C-alpha atoms as a PDB file:
ATOM      1  CA  MET A   1       0.000   0.000   0.000  1.00  0.00           C
ATOM      2  CA  LYS A   2       1.215   3.498  -0.813  1.00  0.00           C
ATOM      3  CA  TYR A   3       1.798   5.965   1.991  1.00  0.00           C
ATOM      4  CA  THR A   4       2.836   9.583   2.328  1.00  0.00           C
ATOM      5  CA  GLU A   5       5.400  10.634   4.901  1.00  0.00           C
ATOM      6  CA  LEU A   6       5.045  14.057   6.493  1.00  0.00           C
ATOM      7  CA  ILE A   7       8.548  14.979   7.642  1.00  0.00           C
ATOM      8  CA  ILE A   8       8.620  17.813  10.174  1.00  0.00           C
ATOM      9  CA  LYS A   9      11.677  19.764  11.300  1.00  0.00           C
ATOM     10  CA  ALA A  10      11.291  21.624  14.585  1.00  0.00           C
ATOM     11  CA  PRO A  11      13.797  23.602  16.672  1.00  0.00           C
ATOM     12  CA  ARG A  12      14.625  21.830  19.925  1.00  0.00           C
ATOM     13  CA  ASN A  13      12.938  24.532  21.994  1.00  0.00           C
ATOM     14  CA  ALA A  14       9.696  24.037  20.045  1.00  0.00           C
ATOM     15  CA  SER A  15       9.654  20.258  19.617  1.00  0.00           C
ATOM     16  CA  GLU A  16       7.592  19.492  22.718  1.00  0.00           C
ATOM     17  CA  THR A  17       5.045  22.111  21.715  1.00  0.00           C
ATOM     18  CA  VAL A  18       4.778  20.538  18.252  1.00  0.00           C
ATOM     19  CA  GLN A  19       4.347  17.048  19.725  1.00  0.00           C
ATOM     20  CA  ALA A  20       1.686  18.278  22.148  1.00  0.00           C
ATOM     21  CA  ALA A  21      -0.221  20.075  19.369  1.00  0.00           C
ATOM     22  CA  LEU A  22      -0.159  16.966  17.155  1.00  0.00           C
ATOM     23  CA  LEU A  23      -1.309  14.710  19.989  1.00  0.00           C
ATOM     24  CA  GLU A  24      -4.119  17.080  20.896  1.00  0.00           C
ATOM     25  CA  ALA A  25      -5.281  17.010  17.267  1.00  0.00           C
ATOM     26  CA  GLY A  26      -5.367  13.210  17.314  1.00  0.00           C
ATOM     27  CA  PHE A  27      -2.070  12.459  15.550  1.00  0.00           C
ATOM     28  CA  ASP A  28      -0.965   9.961  18.191  1.00  0.00           C
ATOM     29  CA  SER A  29       1.426   7.836  16.132  1.00  0.00           C
ATOM     30  CA  MET A  30       4.666   9.549  15.242  1.00  0.00           C
ATOM     31  CA  GLN A  31       8.343   8.807  14.817  1.00  0.00           C
ATOM     32  CA  ILE A  32      10.633  11.227  16.677  1.00  0.00           C
ATOM     33  CA  ASP A  33      14.294  11.495  15.719  1.00  0.00           C
ATOM     34  CA  ASP A  34      16.368  13.562  18.143  1.00  0.00           C
ATOM     35  CA  PRO A  35      20.127  13.655  17.442  1.00  0.00           C
ATOM     36  CA  MET A  36      20.772  14.042  21.180  1.00  0.00           C
ATOM     37  CA  ASP A  37      19.255  10.584  21.748  1.00  0.00           C
ATOM     38  CA  ALA A  38      22.206   9.139  19.861  1.00  0.00           C
ATOM     39  CA  VAL A  39      24.598  10.963  22.187  1.00  0.00           C
ATOM     40  CA  ASP A  40      22.747   9.575  25.195  1.00  0.00           C
ATOM     41  CA  ILE A  41      22.857   6.034  23.787  1.00  0.00           C
ATOM     42  CA  ALA A  42      26.552   6.310  22.978  1.00  0.00           C
ATOM     43  CA  GLU A  43      27.330   7.516  26.498  1.00  0.00           C
ATOM     44  CA  HIS A  44      25.009   5.087  28.354  1.00  0.00           C
ATOM     45  CA  GLN A  45      25.182   1.776  26.521  1.00  0.00           C
ATOM     46  CA  ASP A  46      24.480  -0.117  29.753  1.00  0.00           C
ATOM     47  CA  LEU A  47      21.192   1.738  30.330  1.00  0.00           C
ATOM     48  CA  TYR A  48      19.885   1.191  26.796  1.00  0.00           C
ATOM     49  CA  LYS A  49      21.286  -2.361  26.568  1.00  0.00           C
ATOM     50  CA  TYR A  50      22.901  -1.759  23.180  1.00  0.00           C
ATOM     51  CA  ASP A  51      25.454  -4.432  22.341  1.00  0.00           C
ATOM     52  CA  TYR A  52      27.242  -2.128  19.948  1.00  0.00           C
ATOM     53  CA  ILE A  53      27.123   1.391  18.612  1.00  0.00           C
ATOM     54  CA  ASN A  54      26.458   1.198  14.889  1.00  0.00           C
ATOM     55  CA  GLU A  55      27.478   3.671  12.207  1.00  0.00           C
ATOM     56  CA  GLU A  56      24.090   5.407  12.104  1.00  0.00           C
ATOM     57  CA  ILE A  57      24.100   6.090  15.852  1.00  0.00           C
ATOM     58  CA  SER A  58      27.715   7.290  15.722  1.00  0.00           C
ATOM     59  CA  GLN A  59      26.895   9.671  12.848  1.00  0.00           C
ATOM     60  CA  LYS A  60      23.863  11.099  14.635  1.00  0.00           C
ATOM     61  CA  ALA A  61      25.864  11.546  17.835  1.00  0.00           C
ATOM     62  CA  ALA A  62      28.555  13.422  15.915  1.00  0.00           C
ATOM     63  CA  GLU A  63      25.952  15.683  14.296  1.00  0.00           C
ATOM     64  CA  ALA A  64      24.388  16.467  17.661  1.00  0.00           C
ATOM     65  CA  GLU A  65      27.718  17.269  19.267  1.00  0.00           C
ATOM     66  CA  ALA A  66      28.518  19.502  16.283  1.00  0.00           C
ATOM     67  CA  GLY A  67      25.468  21.591  17.090  1.00  0.00           C
ATOM     68  CA  ALA A  68      22.618  20.018  15.094  1.00  0.00           C
ATOM     69  CA  ASP A  69      19.547  21.333  16.864  1.00  0.00           C
ATOM     70  CA  ALA A  70      16.563  20.249  14.780  1.00  0.00           C
ATOM     71  CA  ILE A  71      14.224  17.477  15.905  1.00  0.00           C
ATOM     72  CA  THR A  72      12.629  15.411  13.125  1.00  0.00           C
ATOM     73  CA  ILE A  73       9.055  14.209  13.612  1.00  0.00           C
ATOM     74  CA  THR A  74       7.552  11.923  10.972  1.00  0.00           C
ATOM     75  CA  LEU A  75       3.884  11.085  10.473  1.00  0.00           C
ATOM     76  CA  TYR A  76       2.534   8.520   8.006  1.00  0.00           C
ATOM     77  CA  PHE A  77      -0.693   8.761   5.999  1.00  0.00           C
ATOM     78  CA  GLU A  78      -2.369   6.168   3.788  1.00  0.00           C
ATOM     79  CA  ASP A  79      -2.843   7.179   0.163  1.00  0.00           C
ATOM     80  CA  ASN A  80      -6.635   7.332   0.305  1.00  0.00           C
ATOM     81  CA  GLU A  81      -9.262  10.003   0.852  1.00  0.00           C
ATOM     82  CA  GLU A  82      -9.145   9.826   4.642  1.00  0.00           C
ATOM     83  CA  GLY A  83      -5.347   9.829   4.686  1.00  0.00           C
ATOM     84  CA  ARG A  84      -5.129  12.829   2.371  1.00  0.00           C
ATOM     85  CA  THR A  85      -7.673  14.716   4.515  1.00  0.00           C
ATOM     86  CA  ARG A  86      -5.694  14.027   7.689  1.00  0.00           C
ATOM     87  CA  LEU A  87      -2.470  15.025   5.948  1.00  0.00           C
ATOM     88  CA  SER A  88      -4.023  18.354   4.974  1.00  0.00           C
ATOM     89  CA  GLU A  89      -5.189  18.889   8.557  1.00  0.00           C
ATOM     90  CA  ALA A  90      -1.681  18.225   9.878  1.00  0.00           C
ATOM     91  CA  GLU A  91      -0.119  20.614   7.376  1.00  0.00           C
ATOM     92  CA  LYS A  92      -2.600  23.345   8.322  1.00  0.00           C
ATOM     93  CA  LEU A  93      -1.839  22.828  12.015  1.00  0.00           C
ATOM     94  CA  LEU A  94       1.921  22.976  11.469  1.00  0.00           C
ATOM     95  CA  SER A  95       1.673  26.107   9.318  1.00  0.00           C
ATOM     96  CA  GLY A  96       0.585  28.009  12.410  1.00  0.00           C
ATOM     97  CA  ILE A  97       3.649  27.080  14.502  1.00  0.00           C
ATOM     98  CA  GLU A  98       6.585  29.462  14.171  1.00  0.00           C
ATOM     99  CA  GLY A  99       9.968  28.049  13.214  1.00  0.00           C
ATOM    100  CA  VAL A 100       8.599  24.691  12.016  1.00  0.00           C
ATOM    101  CA  SER A 101       9.156  23.413   8.480  1.00  0.00           C
ATOM    102  CA  PHE A 102       7.775  20.304   6.821  1.00  0.00           C
ATOM    103  CA  ARG A 103       7.732  18.381   3.560  1.00  0.00           C
ATOM    104  CA  THR A 104       6.044  15.287   2.163  1.00  0.00           C
ATOM    105  CA  LYS A 105       7.580  12.173   0.659  1.00  0.00           C
ATOM    106  CA  GLU A 106       5.767   9.440  -1.238  1.00  0.00           C
ATOM    107  CA  THR A 107       6.577   5.814  -0.433  1.00  0.00           C
ATOM    108  CA  GLY A 108       5.403   2.784  -2.366  1.00  0.00           C
ATOM    109  CA  ASP A 109       5.913   0.085   0.245  1.00  0.00           C
ATOM    110  CA  ASP A 110       4.765   0.355   3.827  1.00  0.00           C
ATOM    111  CA  SER A 111       7.048  -2.459   4.987  1.00  0.00           C
ATOM    112  CA  GLU A 112      10.097  -0.183   4.737  1.00  0.00           C
ATOM    113  CA  TRP A 113       8.899   2.254   7.405  1.00  0.00           C
ATOM    114  CA  LEU A 114       6.355   0.173   9.315  1.00  0.00           C
ATOM    115  CA  TYR A 115       9.044  -1.842  11.100  1.00  0.00           C
ATOM    116  CA  LYS A 116      12.073   0.404  10.741  1.00  0.00           C
ATOM    117  CA  TRP A 117      11.553   1.881  14.222  1.00  0.00           C
ATOM    118  CA  GLN A 118      12.143  -1.612  15.645  1.00  0.00           C
ATOM    119  CA  GLU A 119      15.858  -1.223  14.924  1.00  0.00           C
ATOM    120  CA  HIS A 120      16.054   1.451  17.627  1.00  0.00           C
ATOM    121  CA  PHE A 121      13.731  -0.008  20.255  1.00  0.00           C
ATOM    122  CA  LYS A 122      16.027  -1.809  22.722  1.00  0.00           C
ATOM    123  CA  PRO A 123      15.484  -2.983  26.316  1.00  0.00           C
ATOM    124  CA  SER A 124      15.574   0.147  28.479  1.00  0.00           C
ATOM    125  CA  LYS A 125      15.331   0.724  32.195  1.00  0.00           C
ATOM    126  CA  VAL A 126      12.592   3.163  33.180  1.00  0.00           C
ATOM    127  CA  GLY A 127      12.731   4.307  36.783  1.00  0.00           C
ATOM    128  CA  GLU A 128      14.465   2.181  39.417  1.00  0.00           C
ATOM    129  CA  ARG A 129      12.939  -1.238  38.718  1.00  0.00           C
ATOM    130  CA  ILE A 130      10.915  -1.332  35.496  1.00  0.00           C
ATOM    131  CA  VAL A 131      12.622  -2.498  32.291  1.00  0.00           C
ATOM    132  CA  VAL A 132      10.736  -2.267  28.998  1.00  0.00           C
ATOM    133  CA  LYS A 133      11.774  -4.726  26.291  1.00  0.00           C
ATOM    134  CA  PRO A 134      10.382  -5.471  22.826  1.00  0.00           C
ATOM    135  CA  GLY A 135       9.387  -9.024  21.994  1.00  0.00           C
ATOM    136  CA  TRP A 136      12.190  -9.429  19.469  1.00  0.00           C
ATOM    137  CA  GLU A 137      14.937  -8.706  22.041  1.00  0.00           C
ATOM    138  CA  ASP A 138      16.263 -11.120  24.689  1.00  0.00           C
ATOM    139  CA  TYR A 139      16.833  -9.759  28.185  1.00  0.00           C
ATOM    140  CA  GLU A 140      17.840 -11.311  31.500  1.00  0.00           C
ATOM    141  CA  ALA A 141      16.512  -9.300  34.435  1.00  0.00           C
ATOM    142  CA  ALA A 142      18.876  -8.322  37.215  1.00  0.00           C
ATOM    143  CA  ASP A 143      17.857  -8.719  40.856  1.00  0.00           C
ATOM    144  CA  GLY A 144      14.899  -6.487  41.653  1.00  0.00           C
ATOM    145  CA  GLU A 145      14.114  -5.620  38.025  1.00  0.00           C
ATOM    146  CA  LEU A 146      10.595  -6.055  36.670  1.00  0.00           C
ATOM    147  CA  VAL A 147      10.381  -6.622  32.923  1.00  0.00           C
ATOM    148  CA  ILE A 148       7.524  -5.522  30.694  1.00  0.00           C
ATOM    149  CA  GLU A 149       7.548  -6.995  27.193  1.00  0.00           C
ATOM    150  CA  MET A 150       5.798  -4.565  24.930  1.00  0.00           C
ATOM    151  CA  ASP A 151       5.517  -3.881  21.227  1.00  0.00           C
ATOM    152  CA  PRO A 152       4.050  -0.370  20.911  1.00  0.00           C
ATOM    153  CA  GLY A 153       2.208  -1.005  17.637  1.00  0.00           C
ATOM    154  CA  MET A 154       0.338   2.091  16.513  1.00  0.00           C
ATOM    155  CA  ALA A 155      -0.572   3.352  19.999  1.00  0.00           C
ATOM    156  CA  PHE A 156       1.420   6.071  21.730  1.00  0.00           C
ATOM    157  CA  GLY A 157       3.599   5.030  24.654  1.00  0.00           C
ATOM    158  CA  SER A 158       6.628   2.769  24.834  1.00  0.00           C
ATOM    159  CA  GLY A 159       7.693   3.865  28.289  1.00  0.00           C
ATOM    160  CA  LEU A 160      10.611   5.835  26.896  1.00  0.00           C
ATOM    161  CA  HIS A 161       8.769   9.127  26.530  1.00  0.00           C
ATOM    162  CA  GLU A 162       9.438  11.529  29.390  1.00  0.00           C
ATOM    163  CA  THR A 163       5.793  11.735  30.429  1.00  0.00           C
ATOM    164  CA  THR A 164       5.457   7.957  30.729  1.00  0.00           C
ATOM    165  CA  SER A 165       8.748   7.412  32.526  1.00  0.00           C
ATOM    166  CA  MET A 166       7.867  10.075  35.111  1.00  0.00           C
ATOM    167  CA  CYS A 167       4.559   8.321  35.794  1.00  0.00           C
ATOM    168  CA  ILE A 168       6.410   5.052  36.331  1.00  0.00           C
ATOM    169  CA  LYS A 169       8.811   6.754  38.743  1.00  0.00           C
ATOM    170  CA  ALA A 170       5.864   8.186  40.675  1.00  0.00           C
ATOM    171  CA  LEU A 171       4.181   4.764  40.796  1.00  0.00           C
ATOM    172  CA  GLU A 172       7.399   3.216  42.103  1.00  0.00           C
ATOM    173  CA  LYS A 173       7.483   5.717  44.945  1.00  0.00           C
ATOM    174  CA  ASP A 174       3.851   5.407  45.881  1.00  0.00           C
ATOM    175  CA  LEU A 175       3.520   1.653  45.548  1.00  0.00           C
ATOM    176  CA  GLY A 176       6.664   1.396  47.640  1.00  0.00           C
ATOM    177  CA  GLY A 177       4.874   3.233  50.459  1.00  0.00           C
ATOM    178  CA  ALA A 178       7.063   6.326  50.270  1.00  0.00           C
ATOM    179  CA  TYR A 179       4.255   8.717  51.147  1.00  0.00           C
ATOM    180  CA  ASP A 180       2.233   6.699  53.681  1.00  0.00           C
ATOM    181  CA  PRO A 181       3.684   3.354  54.797  1.00  0.00           C
ATOM    182  CA  SER A 182       0.375   2.362  56.444  1.00  0.00           C
ATOM    183  CA  ARG A 183      -1.509   2.580  53.149  1.00  0.00           C
ATOM    184  CA  TYR A 184      -1.036  -0.184  50.587  1.00  0.00           C
ATOM    185  CA  PRO A 185      -2.574   0.584  47.190  1.00  0.00           C
ATOM    186  CA  ILE A 186      -4.709  -2.187  45.790  1.00  0.00           C
ATOM    187  CA  LYS A 187      -6.605  -0.823  42.772  1.00  0.00           C
ATOM    188  CA  VAL A 188      -5.115   1.445  40.108  1.00  0.00           C
ATOM    189  CA  LEU A 189      -7.087   3.298  37.437  1.00  0.00           C
ATOM    190  CA  ASP A 190      -5.045   4.206  34.349  1.00  0.00           C
ATOM    191  CA  VAL A 191      -6.860   6.905  32.363  1.00  0.00           C
ATOM    192  CA  GLY A 192      -5.638   7.212  28.770  1.00  0.00           C
ATOM    193  CA  THR A 193      -3.863   3.871  29.019  1.00  0.00           C
ATOM    194  CA  GLY A 194      -2.367   3.900  25.493  1.00  0.00           C
ATOM    195  CA  THR A 195      -0.315   0.689  25.353  1.00  0.00           C
ATOM    196  CA  GLY A 196      -1.284  -0.326  28.884  1.00  0.00           C
ATOM    197  CA  ILE A 197       2.232   0.210  30.157  1.00  0.00           C
ATOM    198  CA  LEU A 198       1.279   2.126  33.312  1.00  0.00           C
ATOM    199  CA  ALA A 199      -1.392  -0.399  34.285  1.00  0.00           C
ATOM    200  CA  MET A 200       1.140  -3.203  33.785  1.00  0.00           C
ATOM    201  CA  ALA A 201       3.827  -1.368  35.736  1.00  0.00           C
ATOM    202  CA  ALA A 202       1.386  -0.789  38.587  1.00  0.00           C
ATOM    203  CA  VAL A 203       0.496  -4.460  39.086  1.00  0.00           C
ATOM    204  CA  LEU A 204       4.127  -5.554  38.732  1.00  0.00           C
ATOM    205  CA  LEU A 205       5.051  -3.034  41.412  1.00  0.00           C
ATOM    206  CA  GLY A 206       2.483  -4.422  43.838  1.00  0.00           C
ATOM    207  CA  ALA A 207      -1.051  -3.307  43.012  1.00  0.00           C
ATOM    208  CA  ASP A 208      -3.551  -6.151  43.114  1.00  0.00           C
ATOM    209  CA  GLU A 209      -5.456  -5.026  40.036  1.00  0.00           C
ATOM    210  CA  ALA A 210      -5.739  -2.233  37.477  1.00  0.00           C
ATOM    211  CA  LEU A 211      -8.269  -0.879  35.036  1.00  0.00           C
ATOM    212  CA  GLY A 212      -7.155   0.943  31.905  1.00  0.00           C
ATOM    213  CA  ILE A 213      -9.387   3.366  29.998  1.00  0.00           C
ATOM    214  CA  ASP A 214      -8.787   4.737  26.495  1.00  0.00           C
ATOM    215  CA  ILE A 215     -10.955   6.452  23.918  1.00  0.00           C
ATOM    216  CA  ASP A 216      -8.967   4.950  21.016  1.00  0.00           C
ATOM    217  CA  ASP A 217     -10.036   1.494  19.803  1.00  0.00           C
ATOM    218  CA  GLU A 218      -6.512   0.729  18.555  1.00  0.00           C
ATOM    219  CA  ALA A 219      -5.062   1.536  21.982  1.00  0.00           C
ATOM    220  CA  VAL A 220      -7.581  -0.819  23.633  1.00  0.00           C
ATOM    221  CA  ARG A 221      -6.598  -3.601  21.235  1.00  0.00           C
ATOM    222  CA  VAL A 222      -2.852  -3.085  21.666  1.00  0.00           C
ATOM    223  CA  SER A 223      -3.175  -2.827  25.452  1.00  0.00           C
ATOM    224  CA  ASN A 224      -5.005  -6.138  25.637  1.00  0.00           C
ATOM    225  CA  GLU A 225      -2.349  -7.793  23.476  1.00  0.00           C
ATOM    226  CA  ASN A 226       0.427  -6.463  25.724  1.00  0.00           C
ATOM    227  CA  ILE A 227      -1.359  -7.665  28.864  1.00  0.00           C
ATOM    228  CA  VAL A 228      -1.558 -11.202  27.461  1.00  0.00           C
ATOM    229  CA  LYS A 229       2.119 -11.117  26.424  1.00  0.00           C
ATOM    230  CA  ASN A 230       3.068 -10.321  30.001  1.00  0.00           C
ATOM    231  CA  GLY A 231       0.778 -12.896  31.590  1.00  0.00           C
ATOM    232  CA  LEU A 232      -1.220 -10.225  33.438  1.00  0.00           C
ATOM    233  CA  GLU A 233      -4.697 -11.114  32.208  1.00  0.00           C
ATOM    234  CA  GLY A 234      -7.042 -11.453  35.158  1.00  0.00           C
ATOM    235  CA  ARG A 235      -5.264  -8.655  37.011  1.00  0.00           C
ATOM    236  CA  ILE A 236      -5.724  -5.912  34.413  1.00  0.00           C
ATOM    237  CA  SER A 237      -8.792  -5.088  32.356  1.00  0.00           C
ATOM    238  CA  ILE A 238      -9.020  -2.513  29.569  1.00  0.00           C
ATOM    239  CA  ARG A 239     -12.162  -0.601  28.697  1.00  0.00           C
ATOM    240  CA  HIS A 240     -13.078   1.805  25.910  1.00  0.00           C
ATOM    241  CA  GLY A 241     -14.199   5.116  27.335  1.00  0.00           C
ATOM    242  CA  ASN A 242     -13.857   8.887  27.462  1.00  0.00           C
ATOM    243  CA  LEU A 243     -11.796   9.825  30.534  1.00  0.00           C
ATOM    244  CA  MET A 244     -13.801   8.599  33.572  1.00  0.00           C
ATOM    245  CA  ASP A 245     -17.287   8.944  32.071  1.00  0.00           C
ATOM    246  CA  GLY A 246     -19.438   6.136  33.452  1.00  0.00           C
ATOM    247  CA  ILE A 247     -16.557   4.653  35.471  1.00  0.00           C
ATOM    248  CA  ASN A 248     -17.256   3.537  39.037  1.00  0.00           C
ATOM    249  CA  TYR A 249     -14.078   1.756  40.134  1.00  0.00           C
ATOM    250  CA  ASP A 250     -13.210   3.090  43.612  1.00  0.00           C
ATOM    251  CA  PRO A 251      -9.431   3.156  42.964  1.00  0.00           C
ATOM    252  CA  ASP A 252      -6.631   3.773  45.440  1.00  0.00           C
ATOM    253  CA  ILE A 253      -4.477   5.401  42.753  1.00  0.00           C
ATOM    254  CA  ILE A 254      -5.441   7.197  39.559  1.00  0.00           C
ATOM    255  CA  VAL A 255      -2.689   7.710  36.991  1.00  0.00           C
ATOM    256  CA  ALA A 256      -3.423   9.892  33.971  1.00  0.00           C
ATOM    257  CA  ASN A 257      -0.769  10.523  31.332  1.00  0.00           C
ATOM    258  CA  LEU A 258      -2.793  12.857  29.137  1.00  0.00           C
ATOM    259  CA  MET A 259      -2.408  16.560  28.379  1.00  0.00           C
ATOM    260  CA  ALA A 260      -2.815  19.592  30.616  1.00  0.00           C
ATOM    261  CA  ASP A 261      -6.331  20.492  29.462  1.00  0.00           C
ATOM    262  CA  LEU A 262      -7.543  16.907  29.825  1.00  0.00           C
ATOM    263  CA  VAL A 263      -6.014  16.640  33.298  1.00  0.00           C
ATOM    264  CA  VAL A 264      -7.948  19.752  34.309  1.00  0.00           C
ATOM    265  CA  MET A 265     -11.162  18.204  32.923  1.00  0.00           C
ATOM    266  CA  LEU A 266     -10.498  14.884  34.668  1.00  0.00           C
ATOM    267  CA  SER A 267      -9.621  16.214  38.123  1.00  0.00           C
ATOM    268  CA  PRO A 268     -13.158  16.701  39.556  1.00  0.00           C
ATOM    269  CA  ALA A 269     -14.086  13.110  38.661  1.00  0.00           C
ATOM    270  CA  ALA A 270     -10.792  11.867  40.114  1.00  0.00           C
ATOM    271  CA  ALA A 271     -11.491  13.692  43.365  1.00  0.00           C
ATOM    272  CA  ALA A 272     -14.999  12.233  43.512  1.00  0.00           C
ATOM    273  CA  GLN A 273     -13.772   8.631  43.246  1.00  0.00           C
ATOM    274  CA  LEU A 274     -10.576   8.714  45.293  1.00  0.00           C
ATOM    275  CA  ARG A 275     -10.995   8.311  49.038  1.00  0.00           C
ATOM    276  CA  PRO A 276      -9.018  10.583  51.435  1.00  0.00           C
ATOM    277  CA  GLY A 277      -5.380   9.609  51.129  1.00  0.00           C
ATOM    278  CA  GLY A 278      -5.834   8.318  47.582  1.00  0.00           C
ATOM    279  CA  VAL A 279      -3.115   9.247  45.088  1.00  0.00           C
ATOM    280  CA  TYR A 280      -3.559  11.176  41.823  1.00  0.00           C
ATOM    281  CA  ILE A 281      -0.613  11.004  39.388  1.00  0.00           C
ATOM    282  CA  THR A 282      -0.851  13.167  36.279  1.00  0.00           C
ATOM    283  CA  SER A 283       1.530  13.843  33.408  1.00  0.00           C
ATOM    284  CA  GLY A 284       1.649  15.071  29.818  1.00  0.00           C
ATOM    285  CA  ILE A 285       1.815  18.608  31.220  1.00  0.00           C
ATOM    286  CA  LEU A 286       4.002  21.227  29.536  1.00  0.00           C
ATOM    287  CA  ASP A 287       5.893  23.522  31.913  1.00  0.00           C
ATOM    288  CA  ILE A 288       3.960  26.570  30.726  1.00  0.00           C
ATOM    289  CA  LYS A 289       0.728  24.956  31.976  1.00  0.00           C
ATOM    290  CA  GLU A 290       2.057  23.604  35.263  1.00  0.00           C
ATOM    291  CA  ASP A 291       0.526  26.326  37.447  1.00  0.00           C
ATOM    292  CA  ILE A 292      -2.876  26.039  35.747  1.00  0.00           C
ATOM    293  CA  VAL A 293      -2.984  22.286  36.348  1.00  0.00           C
ATOM    294  CA  LYS A 294      -1.750  22.553  39.941  1.00  0.00           C
ATOM    295  CA  LYS A 295      -4.479  25.066  40.763  1.00  0.00           C
ATOM    296  CA  ALA A 296      -7.162  22.907  39.162  1.00  0.00           C
ATOM    297  CA  ILE A 297      -6.003  19.874  41.150  1.00  0.00           C
ATOM    298  CA  GLU A 298      -5.841  21.771  44.432  1.00  0.00           C
ATOM    299  CA  ASP A 299      -9.224  23.420  43.876  1.00  0.00           C
ATOM    300  CA  VAL A 300     -11.048  20.064  43.803  1.00  0.00           C
ATOM    301  CA  GLY A 301      -9.539  18.744  47.035  1.00  0.00           C
ATOM    302  CA  PHE A 302      -5.977  17.543  46.473  1.00  0.00           C
ATOM    303  CA  ASP A 303      -2.684  18.436  48.153  1.00  0.00           C
ATOM    304  CA  ILE A 304       0.274  18.365  45.769  1.00  0.00           C
ATOM    305  CA  ILE A 305       3.192  16.417  47.194  1.00  0.00           C
ATOM    306  CA  GLU A 306       5.624  16.216  44.290  1.00  0.00           C
ATOM    307  CA  VAL A 307       6.295  17.661  40.851  1.00  0.00           C
ATOM    308  CA  LEU A 308       8.714  15.784  38.595  1.00  0.00           C
ATOM    309  CA  ALA A 309      10.357  17.579  35.679  1.00  0.00           C
ATOM    310  CA  ASP A 310      12.003  16.221  32.540  1.00  0.00           C
ATOM    311  CA  GLY A 311      12.770  18.865  29.956  1.00  0.00           C
ATOM    312  CA  GLU A 312       9.589  20.806  29.243  1.00  0.00           C
ATOM    313  CA  TRP A 313       7.351  18.070  30.650  1.00  0.00           C
ATOM    314  CA  ARG A 314       5.927  17.883  34.175  1.00  0.00           C
ATOM    315  CA  ALA A 315       4.310  15.117  36.229  1.00  0.00           C
ATOM    316  CA  ILE A 316       2.319  16.010  39.330  1.00  0.00           C
ATOM    317  CA  THR A 317       1.540  13.689  42.257  1.00  0.00           C
ATOM    318  CA  ALA A 318      -1.213  14.728  44.655  1.00  0.00           C
ATOM    319  CA  ILE A 319      -3.020  13.242  47.675  1.00  0.00           C
ATOM    320  CA  ARG A 320      -6.794  13.469  48.198  1.00  0.00           C
ATOM    321  CA  ARG A 321      -7.479  15.502  51.315  1.00  0.00           C
END
């Protein structure tokens, strides 16, 4: 099948804004190529579990160290009426963002790009204990490590994005009893579950069960596949839904890796379902919206106990009063 690539070049200081705008508009499957990632891989081979540094990684690392500042974001569109419409919508969106350039490229065979990203998806440690590995890579866990086997498919979230990794770090702290040793979380609600990675991390870290919610049918399908791969069926269920509409789960922890505006919308429902002492972990929040989200969370009955930062992204952990 023929596809069209939309290749976007964004300055580093605008890349997170571009990603957020695309995600908000529903473009939730994208390939991100940051030259600084190659530098990080070259300097931390043990963390990324690379057996060798190939020529492509070495070249990208050299370009980054020489001052290459542009981030490349690639979207793919089928060559049909719907694909062309979505391509036009993406181009219109990008035209309104200063400093961003883009071009299109026709491809005649989807197999070339559909699996190319697999070359760069290696076992990676996220947080203190969670290791994410693709199914095509072997990995022997060290003492204390918890391995999630996950093939991202077309849903957003491999665990390597800053917003996801911060949520995992927050879950590690809370499920470890860092905030209240007398309280042991049992049920976790993962709103906007994507690939199901946060629900899976939660039960591996000690939660008895988790429920994942996502509005995207593809995300629901991929999440269920990942749960089966990891032998966690029976402990995690995935449901199609819009935020917490119609959900009555009585969770001990709610984790929501969304976007700032959606976190604000979700917070009243989260406060209504969490008991006093329940934990609310939110991410997908750009730094420029941190104060807005914090106020919205506090206004509905939460006390903020921690804010994690990674680049322009923020993750907020709060306790229900």
